[in-house]
Amino acid sequence: NMKYTRHNLKKLETLFSDIEYTIRYEKGNFNSGYCIVEDRKVAVINKFYDTEGRMNVLLEILAGMTVEEDQLEEASLKFYKQVMKFLSRQEEEE
């Protein structure tokens, strides 16, 4: 199970950094709570989201991405595998 903690949020942010994605927390009119600037590898997330909201958005973005595992540092790779297991269990439950 994925715990919604600042520590895990940090690990998610590091994972995105490893794949050269920039995460910015800003205020804006996002219907979905975030937007992605594909060509610039930037994810802009609603800054008013709490830790759980931010993590859910990052997990949603990650679920739709193809990640080159060899880009990840060892710690991020381990975390990424946990995240993917968590996401696949979530899909099974829906």
PDB file of N, CA and C in Angstrom:
ATOM      1  N   ASN A   1       0.840  -1.201   0.000  1.00  0.00           N
ATOM      2  CA  ASN A   1       0.000   0.000   0.000  1.00  0.00           C
ATOM      3  C   ASN A   1       0.877   1.254   0.000  1.00  0.00           C
ATOM      4  N   MET A   2       0.411   2.272  -0.677  1.00  0.00           N
ATOM      5  CA  MET A   2       1.173   3.513  -0.798  1.00  0.00           C
ATOM      6  C   MET A   2       0.705   4.495   0.283  1.00  0.00           C
ATOM      7  N   LYS A   3       1.624   4.900   1.130  1.00  0.00           N
ATOM      8  CA  LYS A   3       1.269   5.864   2.171  1.00  0.00           C
ATOM      9  C   LYS A   3       1.455   7.281   1.648  1.00  0.00           C
ATOM     10  N   TYR A   4       0.490   8.149   1.972  1.00  0.00           N
ATOM     11  CA  TYR A   4       0.552   9.539   1.521  1.00  0.00           C
ATOM     12  C   TYR A   4       1.346  10.367   2.525  1.00  0.00           C
ATOM     13  N   THR A   5       2.666  10.294   2.405  1.00  0.00           N
ATOM     14  CA  THR A   5       3.537  11.026   3.323  1.00  0.00           C
ATOM     15  C   THR A   5       4.410  11.985   2.524  1.00  0.00           C
ATOM     16  N   ARG A   6       4.922  13.000   3.207  1.00  0.00           N
ATOM     17  CA  ARG A   6       5.849  13.933   2.556  1.00  0.00           C
ATOM     18  C   ARG A   6       7.083  13.190   2.036  1.00  0.00           C
ATOM     19  N   HIS A   7       7.499  12.165   2.793  1.00  0.00           N
ATOM     20  CA  HIS A   7       8.663  11.366   2.398  1.00  0.00           C
ATOM     21  C   HIS A   7       8.427  10.688   1.044  1.00  0.00           C
ATOM     22  N   ASN A   8       7.261  10.063   0.882  1.00  0.00           N
ATOM     23  CA  ASN A   8       6.946   9.398  -0.389  1.00  0.00           C
ATOM     24  C   ASN A   8       6.737  10.411  -1.514  1.00  0.00           C
ATOM     25  N   LEU A   9       6.195  11.561  -1.182  1.00  0.00           N
ATOM     26  CA  LEU A   9       6.051  12.623  -2.179  1.00  0.00           C
ATOM     27  C   LEU A   9       7.435  13.020  -2.695  1.00  0.00           C
ATOM     28  N   LYS A  10       8.364  13.181  -1.765  1.00  0.00           N
ATOM     29  CA  LYS A  10       9.748  13.533  -2.113  1.00  0.00           C
ATOM     30  C   LYS A  10      10.347  12.456  -3.029  1.00  0.00           C
ATOM     31  N   LYS A  11      10.098  11.184  -2.703  1.00  0.00           N
ATOM     32  CA  LYS A  11      10.621  10.086  -3.521  1.00  0.00           C
ATOM     33  C   LYS A  11      10.035  10.127  -4.936  1.00  0.00           C
ATOM     34  N   LEU A  12       8.751  10.469  -5.031  1.00  0.00           N
ATOM     35  CA  LEU A  12       8.113  10.610  -6.347  1.00  0.00           C
ATOM     36  C   LEU A  12       8.752  11.762  -7.127  1.00  0.00           C
ATOM     37  N   GLU A  13       8.975  12.882  -6.432  1.00  0.00           N
ATOM     38  CA  GLU A  13       9.584  14.039  -7.088  1.00  0.00           C
ATOM     39  C   GLU A  13      10.990  13.703  -7.586  1.00  0.00           C
ATOM     40  N   THR A  14      11.733  12.938  -6.804  1.00  0.00           N
ATOM     41  CA  THR A  14      13.079  12.518  -7.203  1.00  0.00           C
ATOM     42  C   THR A  14      13.019  11.618  -8.429  1.00  0.00           C
ATOM     43  N   LEU A  15      12.040  10.719  -8.436  1.00  0.00           N
ATOM     44  CA  LEU A  15      11.853   9.830  -9.571  1.00  0.00           C
ATOM     45  C   LEU A  15      11.618  10.649 -10.849  1.00  0.00           C
ATOM     46  N   PHE A  16      10.761  11.653 -10.770  1.00  0.00           N
ATOM     47  CA  PHE A  16      10.497  12.511 -11.924  1.00  0.00           C
ATOM     48  C   PHE A  16      11.762  13.253 -12.347  1.00  0.00           C
ATOM     49  N   SER A  17      12.533  13.683 -11.364  1.00  0.00           N
ATOM     50  CA  SER A  17      13.783  14.365 -11.643  1.00  0.00           C
ATOM     51  C   SER A  17      14.750  13.445 -12.383  1.00  0.00           C
ATOM     52  N   ASP A  18      14.803  12.173 -11.980  1.00  0.00           N
ATOM     53  CA  ASP A  18      15.666  11.189 -12.648  1.00  0.00           C
ATOM     54  C   ASP A  18      15.323  11.042 -14.133  1.00  0.00           C
ATOM     55  N   ILE A  19      14.037  11.135 -14.466  1.00  0.00           N
ATOM     56  CA  ILE A  19      13.648  11.012 -15.876  1.00  0.00           C
ATOM     57  C   ILE A  19      13.552  12.392 -16.538  1.00  0.00           C
ATOM     58  N   GLU A  20      14.200  13.358 -15.900  1.00  0.00           N
ATOM     59  CA  GLU A  20      14.353  14.716 -16.421  1.00  0.00           C
ATOM     60  C   GLU A  20      13.020  15.434 -16.629  1.00  0.00           C
ATOM     61  N   TYR A  21      12.105  15.173 -15.689  1.00  0.00           N
ATOM     62  CA  TYR A  21      10.828  15.886 -15.687  1.00  0.00           C
ATOM     63  C   TYR A  21      10.887  16.958 -14.617  1.00  0.00           C
ATOM     64  N   THR A  22      10.410  18.136 -14.924  1.00  0.00           N
ATOM     65  CA  THR A  22      10.338  19.216 -13.954  1.00  0.00           C
ATOM     66  C   THR A  22       8.928  19.259 -13.390  1.00  0.00           C
ATOM     67  N   ILE A  23       8.822  19.326 -12.081  1.00  0.00           N
ATOM     68  CA  ILE A  23       7.513  19.465 -11.445  1.00  0.00           C
ATOM     69  C   ILE A  23       7.446  20.860 -10.854  1.00  0.00           C
ATOM     70  N   ARG A  24       6.390  21.577 -11.200  1.00  0.00           N
ATOM     71  CA  ARG A  24       6.208  22.902 -10.623  1.00  0.00           C
ATOM     72  C   ARG A  24       4.839  22.951  -9.957  1.00  0.00           C
ATOM     73  N   TYR A  25       4.802  23.556  -8.771  1.00  0.00           N
ATOM     74  CA  TYR A  25       3.531  23.747  -8.069  1.00  0.00           C
ATOM     75  C   TYR A  25       3.140  25.199  -8.230  1.00  0.00           C
ATOM     76  N   GLU A  26       2.041  25.435  -8.935  1.00  0.00           N
ATOM     77  CA  GLU A  26       1.599  26.797  -9.208  1.00  0.00           C
ATOM     78  C   GLU A  26       0.088  26.865  -9.084  1.00  0.00           C
ATOM     79  N   LYS A  27      -0.396  28.112  -9.008  1.00  0.00           N
ATOM     80  CA  LYS A  27      -1.854  28.225  -9.041  1.00  0.00           C
ATOM     81  C   LYS A  27      -2.257  28.503 -10.483  1.00  0.00           C
ATOM     82  N   GLY A  28      -3.379  27.950 -10.849  1.00  0.00           N
ATOM     83  CA  GLY A  28      -3.852  28.115 -12.213  1.00  0.00           C
ATOM     84  C   GLY A  28      -5.222  27.515 -12.337  1.00  0.00           C
ATOM     85  N   ASN A  29      -5.797  27.613 -13.520  1.00  0.00           N
ATOM     86  CA  ASN A  29      -7.122  27.032 -13.738  1.00  0.00           C
ATOM     87  C   ASN A  29      -6.978  25.651 -14.346  1.00  0.00           C
ATOM     88  N   PHE A  30      -6.656  24.684 -13.509  1.00  0.00           N
ATOM     89  CA  PHE A  30      -6.529  23.317 -14.003  1.00  0.00           C
ATOM     90  C   PHE A  30      -7.814  22.584 -13.674  1.00  0.00           C
ATOM     91  N   ASN A  31      -8.464  22.061 -14.684  1.00  0.00           N
ATOM     92  CA  ASN A  31      -9.658  21.260 -14.417  1.00  0.00           C
ATOM     93  C   ASN A  31      -9.282  19.966 -13.728  1.00  0.00           C
ATOM     94  N   SER A  32      -8.166  19.382 -14.162  1.00  0.00           N
ATOM     95  CA  SER A  32      -7.774  18.079 -13.623  1.00  0.00           C
ATOM     96  C   SER A  32      -6.802  18.209 -12.455  1.00  0.00           C
ATOM     97  N   GLY A  33      -6.407  19.430 -12.125  1.00  0.00           N
ATOM     98  CA  GLY A  33      -5.462  19.613 -11.034  1.00  0.00           C
ATOM     99  C   GLY A  33      -4.022  19.693 -11.507  1.00  0.00           C
ATOM    100  N   TYR A  34      -3.822  19.440 -12.804  1.00  0.00           N
ATOM    101  CA  TYR A  34      -2.463  19.539 -13.334  1.00  0.00           C
ATOM    102  C   TYR A  34      -2.505  19.719 -14.844  1.00  0.00           C
ATOM    103  N   CYS A  35      -1.386  20.120 -15.420  1.00  0.00           N
ATOM    104  CA  CYS A  35      -1.247  20.095 -16.860  1.00  0.00           C
ATOM    105  C   CYS A  35       0.195  19.711 -17.167  1.00  0.00           C
ATOM    106  N   ILE A  36       0.389  19.136 -18.347  1.00  0.00           N
ATOM    107  CA  ILE A  36       1.718  18.686 -18.740  1.00  0.00           C
ATOM    108  C   ILE A  36       2.122  19.414 -20.008  1.00  0.00           C
ATOM    109  N   VAL A  37       3.323  19.955 -19.997  1.00  0.00           N
ATOM    110  CA  VAL A  37       3.865  20.569 -21.196  1.00  0.00           C
ATOM    111  C   VAL A  37       4.793  19.512 -21.797  1.00  0.00           C
ATOM    112  N   GLU A  38       4.219  18.692 -22.708  1.00  0.00           N
ATOM    113  CA  GLU A  38       4.907  17.503 -23.230  1.00  0.00           C
ATOM    114  C   GLU A  38       6.314  17.791 -23.743  1.00  0.00           C
ATOM    115  N   ASP A  39       6.419  18.747 -24.656  1.00  0.00           N
ATOM    116  CA  ASP A  39       7.709  18.971 -25.321  1.00  0.00           C
ATOM    117  C   ASP A  39       8.779  19.494 -24.379  1.00  0.00           C
ATOM    118  N   ARG A  40       8.363  20.033 -23.229  1.00  0.00           N
ATOM    119  CA  ARG A  40       9.355  20.560 -22.289  1.00  0.00           C
ATOM    120  C   ARG A  40       9.533  19.671 -21.054  1.00  0.00           C
ATOM    121  N   LYS A  41       8.795  18.559 -21.018  1.00  0.00           N
ATOM    122  CA  LYS A  41       8.871  17.647 -19.869  1.00  0.00           C
ATOM    123  C   LYS A  41       8.639  18.384 -18.553  1.00  0.00           C
ATOM    124  N   VAL A  42       7.548  19.134 -18.525  1.00  0.00           N
ATOM    125  CA  VAL A  42       7.185  19.891 -17.334  1.00  0.00           C
ATOM    126  C   VAL A  42       5.779  19.477 -16.905  1.00  0.00           C
ATOM    127  N   ALA A  43       5.618  19.202 -15.619  1.00  0.00           N
ATOM    128  CA  ALA A  43       4.294  18.941 -15.058  1.00  0.00           C
ATOM    129  C   ALA A  43       3.992  20.086 -14.100  1.00  0.00           C
ATOM    130  N   VAL A  44       2.908  20.804 -14.356  1.00  0.00           N
ATOM    131  CA  VAL A  44       2.500  21.902 -13.489  1.00  0.00           C
ATOM    132  C   VAL A  44       1.298  21.422 -12.686  1.00  0.00           C
ATOM    133  N   ILE A  45       1.453  21.464 -11.364  1.00  0.00           N
ATOM    134  CA  ILE A  45       0.434  20.910 -10.472  1.00  0.00           C
ATOM    135  C   ILE A  45      -0.142  22.005  -9.584  1.00  0.00           C
ATOM    136  N   ASN A  46      -1.416  21.902  -9.323  1.00  0.00           N
ATOM    137  CA  ASN A  46      -2.113  22.856  -8.467  1.00  0.00           C
ATOM    138  C   ASN A  46      -1.411  22.949  -7.107  1.00  0.00           C
ATOM    139  N   LYS A  47      -0.900  24.134  -6.792  1.00  0.00           N
ATOM    140  CA  LYS A  47      -0.099  24.287  -5.565  1.00  0.00           C
ATOM    141  C   LYS A  47      -0.930  24.222  -4.290  1.00  0.00           C
ATOM    142  N   PHE A  48      -2.249  24.284  -4.429  1.00  0.00           N
ATOM    143  CA  PHE A  48      -3.103  24.230  -3.242  1.00  0.00           C
ATOM    144  C   PHE A  48      -3.414  22.796  -2.822  1.00  0.00           C
ATOM    145  N   TYR A  49      -2.936  21.822  -3.610  1.00  0.00           N
ATOM    146  CA  TYR A  49      -3.141  20.425  -3.241  1.00  0.00           C
ATOM    147  C   TYR A  49      -2.304  20.076  -2.021  1.00  0.00           C
ATOM    148  N   ASP A  50      -2.878  19.221  -1.169  1.00  0.00           N
ATOM    149  CA  ASP A  50      -2.103  18.717  -0.030  1.00  0.00           C
ATOM    150  C   ASP A  50      -1.223  17.561  -0.518  1.00  0.00           C
ATOM    151  N   THR A  51      -0.501  16.963   0.403  1.00  0.00           N
ATOM    152  CA  THR A  51       0.430  15.879   0.049  1.00  0.00           C
ATOM    153  C   THR A  51      -0.279  14.763  -0.717  1.00  0.00           C
ATOM    154  N   GLU A  52      -1.446  14.333  -0.225  1.00  0.00           N
ATOM    155  CA  GLU A  52      -2.177  13.251  -0.887  1.00  0.00           C
ATOM    156  C   GLU A  52      -2.588  13.644  -2.300  1.00  0.00           C
ATOM    157  N   GLY A  53      -3.088  14.863  -2.443  1.00  0.00           N
ATOM    158  CA  GLY A  53      -3.510  15.352  -3.759  1.00  0.00           C
ATOM    159  C   GLY A  53      -2.344  15.405  -4.735  1.00  0.00           C
ATOM    160  N   ARG A  54      -1.212  15.905  -4.255  1.00  0.00           N
ATOM    161  CA  ARG A  54      -0.015  15.993  -5.101  1.00  0.00           C
ATOM    162  C   ARG A  54       0.461  14.603  -5.512  1.00  0.00           C
ATOM    163  N   MET A  55       0.461  13.678  -4.549  1.00  0.00           N
ATOM    164  CA  MET A  55       0.901  12.311  -4.861  1.00  0.00           C
ATOM    165  C   MET A  55      -0.041  11.645  -5.858  1.00  0.00           C
ATOM    166  N   ASN A  56      -1.340  11.822  -5.676  1.00  0.00           N
ATOM    167  CA  ASN A  56      -2.303  11.216  -6.595  1.00  0.00           C
ATOM    168  C   ASN A  56      -2.101  11.715  -8.016  1.00  0.00           C
ATOM    169  N   VAL A  57      -1.844  13.017  -8.163  1.00  0.00           N
ATOM    170  CA  VAL A  57      -1.611  13.593  -9.482  1.00  0.00           C
ATOM    171  C   VAL A  57      -0.329  13.006 -10.088  1.00  0.00           C
ATOM    172  N   LEU A  58       0.741  12.954  -9.309  1.00  0.00           N
ATOM    173  CA  LEU A  58       2.006  12.416  -9.819  1.00  0.00           C
ATOM    174  C   LEU A  58       1.867  10.942 -10.200  1.00  0.00           C
ATOM    175  N   LEU A  59       1.109  10.185  -9.388  1.00  0.00           N
ATOM    176  CA  LEU A  59       0.876   8.773  -9.703  1.00  0.00           C
ATOM    177  C   LEU A  59       0.075   8.633 -10.996  1.00  0.00           C
ATOM    178  N   GLU A  60      -0.909   9.515 -11.168  1.00  0.00           N
ATOM    179  CA  GLU A  60      -1.731   9.485 -12.382  1.00  0.00           C
ATOM    180  C   GLU A  60      -0.876   9.777 -13.616  1.00  0.00           C
ATOM    181  N   ILE A  61      -0.006  10.781 -13.498  1.00  0.00           N
ATOM    182  CA  ILE A  61       0.884  11.129 -14.612  1.00  0.00           C
ATOM    183  C   ILE A  61       1.814   9.953 -14.909  1.00  0.00           C
ATOM    184  N   LEU A  62       2.390   9.386 -13.869  1.00  0.00           N
ATOM    185  CA  LEU A  62       3.334   8.276 -14.004  1.00  0.00           C
ATOM    186  C   LEU A  62       2.675   7.076 -14.674  1.00  0.00           C
ATOM    187  N   ALA A  63       1.412   6.821 -14.317  1.00  0.00           N
ATOM    188  CA  ALA A  63       0.683   5.674 -14.865  1.00  0.00           C
ATOM    189  C   ALA A  63       0.565   5.773 -16.386  1.00  0.00           C
ATOM    190  N   GLY A  64       0.536   7.003 -16.902  1.00  0.00           N
ATOM    191  CA  GLY A  64       0.380   7.191 -18.340  1.00  0.00           C
ATOM    192  C   GLY A  64       1.692   7.355 -19.086  1.00  0.00           C
ATOM    193  N   MET A  65       2.809   7.176 -18.398  1.00  0.00           N
ATOM    194  CA  MET A  65       4.115   7.391 -19.014  1.00  0.00           C
ATOM    195  C   MET A  65       4.837   6.086 -19.269  1.00  0.00           C
ATOM    196  N   THR A  66       5.777   6.145 -20.202  1.00  0.00           N
ATOM    197  CA  THR A  66       6.715   5.042 -20.372  1.00  0.00           C
ATOM    198  C   THR A  66       8.024   5.516 -19.766  1.00  0.00           C
ATOM    199  N   VAL A  67       8.484   4.807 -18.757  1.00  0.00           N
ATOM    200  CA  VAL A  67       9.709   5.198 -18.060  1.00  0.00           C
ATOM    201  C   VAL A  67      10.843   4.273 -18.479  1.00  0.00           C
ATOM    202  N   GLU A  68      11.932   4.861 -18.903  1.00  0.00           N
ATOM    203  CA  GLU A  68      13.133   4.079 -19.202  1.00  0.00           C
ATOM    204  C   GLU A  68      13.791   3.777 -17.860  1.00  0.00           C
ATOM    205  N   GLU A  69      13.704   2.523 -17.431  1.00  0.00           N
ATOM    206  CA  GLU A  69      14.186   2.180 -16.091  1.00  0.00           C
ATOM    207  C   GLU A  69      15.676   2.432 -15.912  1.00  0.00           C
ATOM    208  N   ASP A  70      16.438   2.384 -17.004  1.00  0.00           N
ATOM    209  CA  ASP A  70      17.881   2.606 -16.866  1.00  0.00           C
ATOM    210  C   ASP A  70      18.234   4.083 -16.607  1.00  0.00           C
ATOM    211  N   GLN A  71      17.235   4.963 -16.704  1.00  0.00           N
ATOM    212  CA  GLN A  71      17.448   6.373 -16.367  1.00  0.00           C
ATOM    213  C   GLN A  71      17.393   6.600 -14.859  1.00  0.00           C
ATOM    214  N   LEU A  72      16.828   5.634 -14.146  1.00  0.00           N
ATOM    215  CA  LEU A  72      16.564   5.821 -12.725  1.00  0.00           C
ATOM    216  C   LEU A  72      17.763   5.450 -11.864  1.00  0.00           C
ATOM    217  N   GLU A  73      17.979   6.245 -10.838  1.00  0.00           N
ATOM    218  CA  GLU A  73      18.960   5.885  -9.817  1.00  0.00           C
ATOM    219  C   GLU A  73      18.416   4.655  -9.086  1.00  0.00           C
ATOM    220  N   GLU A  74      19.287   3.935  -8.410  1.00  0.00           N
ATOM    221  CA  GLU A  74      18.891   2.675  -7.764  1.00  0.00           C
ATOM    222  C   GLU A  74      17.698   2.843  -6.815  1.00  0.00           C
ATOM    223  N   ALA A  75      17.753   3.867  -5.963  1.00  0.00           N
ATOM    224  CA  ALA A  75      16.666   4.086  -4.993  1.00  0.00           C
ATOM    225  C   ALA A  75      15.349   4.396  -5.703  1.00  0.00           C
ATOM    226  N   SER A  76      15.425   5.201  -6.767  1.00  0.00           N
ATOM    227  CA  SER A  76      14.219   5.539  -7.527  1.00  0.00           C
ATOM    228  C   SER A  76      13.661   4.320  -8.254  1.00  0.00           C
ATOM    229  N   LEU A  77      14.550   3.484  -8.756  1.00  0.00           N
ATOM    230  CA  LEU A  77      14.111   2.290  -9.469  1.00  0.00           C
ATOM    231  C   LEU A  77      13.321   1.371  -8.535  1.00  0.00           C
ATOM    232  N   LYS A  78      13.844   1.190  -7.325  1.00  0.00           N
ATOM    233  CA  LYS A  78      13.179   0.361  -6.326  1.00  0.00           C
ATOM    234  C   LYS A  78      11.798   0.948  -6.002  1.00  0.00           C
ATOM    235  N   PHE A  79      11.751   2.255  -5.798  1.00  0.00           N
ATOM    236  CA  PHE A  79      10.490   2.938  -5.494  1.00  0.00           C
ATOM    237  C   PHE A  79       9.528   2.848  -6.686  1.00  0.00           C
ATOM    238  N   TYR A  80      10.061   3.029  -7.897  1.00  0.00           N
ATOM    239  CA  TYR A  80       9.251   2.961  -9.123  1.00  0.00           C
ATOM    240  C   TYR A  80       8.555   1.600  -9.229  1.00  0.00           C
ATOM    241  N   LYS A  81       9.302   0.538  -8.922  1.00  0.00           N
ATOM    242  CA  LYS A  81       8.711  -0.802  -8.994  1.00  0.00           C
ATOM    243  C   LYS A  81       7.583  -0.959  -7.971  1.00  0.00           C
ATOM    244  N   GLN A  82       7.764  -0.388  -6.772  1.00  0.00           N
ATOM    245  CA  GLN A  82       6.706  -0.406  -5.755  1.00  0.00           C
ATOM    246  C   GLN A  82       5.478   0.354  -6.264  1.00  0.00           C
ATOM    247  N   VAL A  83       5.723   1.515  -6.867  1.00  0.00           N
ATOM    248  CA  VAL A  83       4.642   2.359  -7.388  1.00  0.00           C
ATOM    249  C   VAL A  83       3.867   1.618  -8.470  1.00  0.00           C
ATOM    250  N   MET A  84       4.586   0.956  -9.384  1.00  0.00           N
ATOM    251  CA  MET A  84       3.915   0.258 -10.473  1.00  0.00           C
ATOM    252  C   MET A  84       3.067  -0.901  -9.942  1.00  0.00           C
ATOM    253  N   LYS A  85       3.562  -1.579  -8.906  1.00  0.00           N
ATOM    254  CA  LYS A  85       2.791  -2.647  -8.267  1.00  0.00           C
ATOM    255  C   LYS A  85       1.514  -2.066  -7.657  1.00  0.00           C
ATOM    256  N   PHE A  86       1.670  -0.933  -6.961  1.00  0.00           N
ATOM    257  CA  PHE A  86       0.544  -0.240  -6.335  1.00  0.00           C
ATOM    258  C   PHE A  86      -0.487   0.155  -7.396  1.00  0.00           C
ATOM    259  N   LEU A  87      -0.024   0.730  -8.512  1.00  0.00           N
ATOM    260  CA  LEU A  87      -0.928   1.184  -9.569  1.00  0.00           C
ATOM    261  C   LEU A  87      -1.659   0.011 -10.224  1.00  0.00           C
ATOM    262  N   SER A  88      -0.961  -1.105 -10.422  1.00  0.00           N
ATOM    263  CA  SER A  88      -1.630  -2.242 -11.057  1.00  0.00           C
ATOM    264  C   SER A  88      -2.664  -2.863 -10.123  1.00  0.00           C
ATOM    265  N   ARG A  89      -2.383  -2.838  -8.807  1.00  0.00           N
ATOM    266  CA  ARG A  89      -3.384  -3.329  -7.844  1.00  0.00           C
ATOM    267  C   ARG A  89      -4.610  -2.423  -7.842  1.00  0.00           C
ATOM    268  N   GLN A  90      -4.366  -1.106  -7.960  1.00  0.00           N
ATOM    269  CA  GLN A  90      -5.480  -0.144  -7.981  1.00  0.00           C
ATOM    270  C   GLN A  90      -6.382  -0.399  -9.193  1.00  0.00           C
ATOM    271  N   GLU A  91      -5.753  -0.665 -10.342  1.00  0.00           N
ATOM    272  CA  GLU A  91      -6.527  -0.933 -11.574  1.00  0.00           C
ATOM    273  C   GLU A  91      -7.374  -2.166 -11.415  1.00  0.00           C
ATOM    274  N   GLU A  92      -6.811  -3.204 -10.798  1.00  0.00           N
ATOM    275  CA  GLU A  92      -7.563  -4.450 -10.595  1.00  0.00           C
ATOM    276  C   GLU A  92      -8.797  -4.225  -9.730  1.00  0.00           C
ATOM    277  N   GLU A  93      -8.671  -3.301  -8.774  1.00  0.00           N
ATOM    278  CA  GLU A  93      -9.792  -3.041  -7.853  1.00  0.00           C
ATOM    279  C   GLU A  93     -10.924  -2.255  -8.509  1.00  0.00           C
ATOM    280  N   GLU A  94     -10.601  -1.506  -9.571  1.00  0.00           N
ATOM    281  CA  GLU A  94     -11.629  -0.650 -10.202  1.00  0.00           C
ATOM    282  C   GLU A  94     -12.602  -1.452 -11.041  1.00  0.00           C
TER     283      GLU A  94
END
